[in-house]
Protein backbone atom coordinates (compact mmCIF):
# COMPACT_ATOMS: atom_id res chain seq x y z
CA MET A 1 -1.85 20.13 13.72
CA THR A 2 -3.07 23.36 15.35
CA ARG A 3 -2.25 23.82 19.03
CA GLU A 4 -3.69 26.29 21.54
CA ILE A 5 -2.30 28.20 24.50
CA ASN A 6 -4.83 29.79 26.81
CA ILE A 7 -3.82 32.94 28.67
CA GLU A 8 -5.95 34.68 31.28
CA VAL A 9 -5.08 38.33 31.80
CA PHE A 10 -6.31 40.08 34.93
CA PHE A 11 -6.42 43.85 34.49
CA ASP A 12 -8.01 47.17 35.41
CA PHE A 13 -8.65 50.07 33.04
CA ILE A 14 -7.09 52.66 35.36
CA CYS A 15 -3.78 50.79 35.65
CA PRO A 16 -1.20 52.08 33.14
CA TRP A 17 0.92 48.98 33.77
CA CYS A 18 -1.98 46.88 32.46
CA MET A 19 -2.02 48.82 29.19
CA ILE A 20 1.76 48.46 28.94
CA GLY A 21 1.51 44.75 29.75
CA LYS A 22 -1.10 44.28 27.04
CA ARG A 23 1.21 45.79 24.44
CA GLN A 24 4.11 43.65 25.63
CA LEU A 25 1.90 40.57 25.38
CA GLN A 26 0.94 41.50 21.81
CA VAL A 27 4.64 41.65 20.88
CA ALA A 28 5.21 38.26 22.51
CA ILE A 29 2.28 36.70 20.66
CA GLU A 30 3.57 38.03 17.33
CA LYS A 31 6.96 36.52 18.10
CA LEU A 32 5.34 33.16 18.88
CA ARG A 33 3.28 33.37 15.69
CA TYR A 34 6.49 33.74 13.73
CA SER A 35 8.41 30.96 15.52
CA HIS A 36 5.49 28.54 15.97
CA PRO A 37 2.82 29.38 13.36
CA ASP A 38 0.77 26.31 14.28
CA VAL A 39 0.12 27.64 17.82
CA ILE A 40 -2.97 29.78 18.46
CA VAL A 41 -3.10 31.96 21.57
CA LYS A 42 -6.54 32.38 23.10
CA LEU A 43 -6.84 35.33 25.48
CA GLN A 44 -9.37 35.71 28.26
CA TRP A 45 -9.53 39.17 29.79
CA ARG A 46 -10.55 39.16 33.46
CA GLY A 47 -11.58 42.51 34.85
CA VAL A 48 -10.31 43.44 38.32
CA GLN A 49 -11.68 46.51 40.05
CA LEU A 50 -8.65 47.61 42.05
CA LEU A 51 -10.43 50.48 43.80
CA PRO A 52 -14.09 49.49 44.32
CA HIS A 53 -14.49 52.11 47.05
CA ILE A 54 -14.09 55.03 44.60
CA PRO A 55 -17.37 57.00 44.26
CA VAL A 56 -19.36 56.57 41.06
CA ASP A 57 -18.37 60.05 39.89
CA GLY A 58 -14.68 59.38 40.62
CA ILE A 59 -12.09 61.32 42.64
CA PRO A 60 -9.45 63.92 41.69
CA PHE A 61 -6.54 62.15 39.99
CA ASN A 62 -3.70 64.16 41.51
CA ALA A 63 -5.18 64.08 45.00
CA PHE A 64 -5.49 60.29 44.84
CA TYR A 65 -1.83 59.76 43.96
CA LEU A 66 -0.64 62.40 46.42
CA GLN A 67 -2.42 60.58 49.23
CA ARG A 68 -1.20 57.21 47.97
CA LEU A 69 2.48 58.12 47.52
CA GLY A 70 2.89 60.84 50.14
CA SER A 71 4.48 63.70 48.19
CA MET A 72 4.42 65.32 44.76
CA THR A 73 8.08 64.35 44.35
CA ALA A 74 7.16 60.70 44.78
CA VAL A 75 4.23 61.11 42.40
CA ARG A 76 6.42 62.67 39.69
CA MET A 77 9.05 59.96 40.11
CA ARG A 78 6.45 57.20 39.77
CA GLN A 79 4.88 58.86 36.73
CA ALA A 80 8.29 59.26 35.08
CA GLN A 81 8.93 55.54 35.62
CA VAL A 82 5.61 54.61 34.03
CA ARG A 83 6.11 56.98 31.08
CA GLU A 84 9.52 55.46 30.39
CA ALA A 85 8.08 51.93 30.38
CA ALA A 86 5.21 53.08 28.16
CA LYS A 87 7.56 54.61 25.59
CA ALA A 88 9.19 51.19 25.14
CA VAL A 89 5.92 49.95 23.64
CA SER A 90 5.11 53.19 21.76
CA ILE A 91 2.61 54.53 24.29
CA ASP A 92 2.71 58.26 25.07
CA LEU A 93 1.28 59.12 28.48
CA ASP A 94 0.53 62.59 29.83
CA PHE A 95 -0.79 62.22 33.36
CA ASP A 96 -1.28 65.98 33.70
CA ARG A 97 -4.20 65.72 31.28
CA ILE A 98 -6.16 63.25 33.44
CA PRO A 99 -8.48 65.13 35.81
CA ARG A 100 -10.20 62.30 37.67
CA MET A 101 -9.72 58.70 38.73
CA PRO A 102 -12.98 56.96 37.69
CA ASN A 103 -14.85 54.09 39.27
CA THR A 104 -14.36 51.26 36.75
CA ALA A 105 -17.36 49.06 37.65
CA LYS A 106 -19.53 50.19 34.73
CA ALA A 107 -16.67 49.91 32.22
CA HIS A 108 -15.81 46.40 33.41
CA SER A 109 -19.43 45.30 33.22
CA PHE A 110 -19.86 46.77 29.73
CA TYR A 111 -16.67 45.12 28.48
CA ALA A 112 -17.52 41.75 30.07
CA ASN A 113 -20.98 41.76 28.47
CA ALA A 114 -19.51 42.71 25.10
CA ASN A 115 -16.94 39.92 25.36
CA LYS A 116 -19.72 37.35 25.59
CA ILE A 117 -20.91 38.14 22.07
CA CYS A 118 -18.06 39.77 20.13
CA ASP A 119 -15.10 38.14 18.40
CA ALA A 120 -11.45 38.49 19.41
CA ALA A 121 -10.79 41.42 17.06
CA GLN A 122 -13.79 43.39 18.36
CA SER A 123 -12.78 42.60 21.94
CA ASP A 124 -9.30 43.95 21.32
CA ARG A 125 -10.60 47.13 19.66
CA LEU A 126 -12.95 47.79 22.56
CA LEU A 127 -10.24 47.20 25.17
CA GLU A 128 -7.84 49.50 23.32
CA GLY A 129 -10.65 52.05 22.97
CA LEU A 130 -11.34 52.07 26.70
CA TYR A 131 -7.66 52.43 27.56
CA SER A 132 -7.21 55.21 25.01
CA ALA A 133 -10.32 57.08 26.17
CA TYR A 134 -8.97 57.26 29.71
CA PHE A 135 -5.22 57.62 29.26
CA HIS A 136 -5.06 59.57 25.99
CA HIS A 137 -8.32 61.54 25.86
CA SER A 138 -8.96 62.09 29.59
CA GLU A 139 -12.51 60.77 29.34
CA ASN A 140 -14.64 59.42 32.16
CA ILE A 141 -15.08 55.73 31.32
CA SER A 142 -17.66 55.38 34.07
CA ASP A 143 -20.02 57.59 32.04
CA THR A 144 -22.63 55.79 29.91
CA GLU A 145 -22.33 58.27 27.05
CA VAL A 146 -18.56 57.81 26.93
CA LEU A 147 -19.00 54.02 26.77
CA ARG A 148 -21.54 54.47 23.97
CA LYS A 149 -19.14 56.70 22.03
CA ILE A 150 -16.23 54.27 22.43
CA ALA A 151 -18.29 51.29 21.31
CA THR A 152 -19.61 53.23 18.30
CA TYR A 153 -16.06 54.14 17.30
CA CYS A 154 -15.11 50.44 17.62
CA GLY A 155 -17.81 49.47 15.12
CA PHE A 156 -20.61 48.26 17.39
CA SER A 157 -24.12 48.91 16.09
CA GLU A 158 -26.48 51.23 17.98
CA GLU A 159 -28.81 48.32 18.66
CA LEU A 160 -26.02 46.19 20.13
CA ILE A 161 -24.72 49.05 22.26
CA GLU A 162 -28.16 49.68 23.74
CA GLU A 163 -28.53 45.95 24.41
CA LEU A 164 -25.17 45.86 26.21
CA LEU A 165 -25.96 48.94 28.30
CA LYS A 166 -29.26 47.41 29.43
CA LYS A 167 -27.74 44.08 30.46
CA PRO A 168 -27.28 43.33 34.16
CA HIS A 169 -23.86 44.02 35.59
CA MET A 170 -21.45 41.19 34.89
CA PRO A 171 -19.45 39.89 37.86
CA PHE A 172 -15.80 40.86 38.05
CA PHE A 173 -13.12 40.79 40.71
CA ASN A 174 -13.31 43.30 43.53
CA GLY A 175 -9.95 44.03 45.07
CA ASP A 176 -6.93 42.33 43.50
CA THR A 177 -5.67 38.91 42.46
CA GLY A 178 -4.93 37.49 45.88
CA GLY A 179 -2.63 40.38 46.77
CA LYS A 180 -0.55 39.92 43.62
CA GLY A 181 -1.89 42.95 41.74
CA VAL A 182 -2.32 43.48 38.01
CA PRO A 183 -1.51 42.86 35.25
CA TYR A 184 -1.52 39.20 36.16
CA PHE A 185 -1.00 36.56 33.46
CA VAL A 186 -2.04 32.91 33.91
CA PHE A 187 -0.70 30.50 31.28
CA ASP A 188 -2.81 27.39 30.68
CA ARG A 189 -3.79 27.45 34.37
CA SER A 190 -0.39 25.98 35.14
CA PHE A 191 1.73 28.98 36.12
CA ALA A 192 1.46 32.76 36.38
CA MET A 193 3.44 35.97 36.03
CA VAL A 194 2.66 39.32 37.62
CA GLY A 195 3.51 42.79 36.36
CA ALA A 196 4.14 44.39 32.97
CA ARG A 197 6.85 41.93 32.02
CA PRO A 198 9.03 42.42 28.93
CA ALA A 199 7.79 40.72 25.77
CA ASP A 200 10.72 38.27 25.80
CA GLU A 201 9.68 36.98 29.23
CA LEU A 202 6.08 36.52 28.13
CA TYR A 203 7.23 34.78 24.97
CA GLN A 204 9.42 32.44 27.02
CA ALA A 205 6.47 31.67 29.28
CA MET A 206 4.47 30.51 26.25
CA LEU A 207 7.38 28.33 25.14
CA ASP A 208 7.51 26.89 28.67
CA VAL A 209 3.85 25.90 28.31
CA LEU A 210 4.70 23.93 25.19
CA VAL A 211 7.68 22.31 26.91
CA GLU A 212 5.52 21.39 29.90
CA ARG A 213 3.11 19.65 27.53
CA ARG A 214 6.07 17.92 25.89
CA GLU A 215 5.10 19.55 22.59
CA ILE A 216 8.58 21.00 22.05
CA ALA A 217 11.95 19.98 23.41
């Protein structure tokens, strides 16, 4: 008998911890697939705009973090911490290549609209494409042409892309998840974890869901 675990993931495109958390979750899901092949994990990606006040054309990346953390020493220390965590899941980050911090409203709306009509594989490709465009290629994901290029690369037809771009903005969260931040994982609406947790912890959380349901001892 096939069983399902539903996981809601709250995220923002400009948060490197969210990209790291996504990769850790993928590792955890693969581990569950191996140990419990009858369990299907259904993911729901919930966009959170952490910085809704950012202008449409964005703000300088370095200036934002300097103001946020207080000194370039603090900025470099934080970036080194993130890069180390990213390397653990085979992500190479070079923050010096990112010129601007974008407003993510348009990217969230585009992704939410696409998620209503695409399958899980397409959704994952688009999410990875948006992360990669910003963190690896220093592109402005608030720009319509950048969104069009990403979607084309992910295999969306021109007609579908135009349809998605014309759709009304989809609602998403402004601010954060009740002060808890992102990434934020909710397992079967029963319990939650915050932060880019190691894959083993996310895997254990899925096992705990099955225990809670009395589906495993």
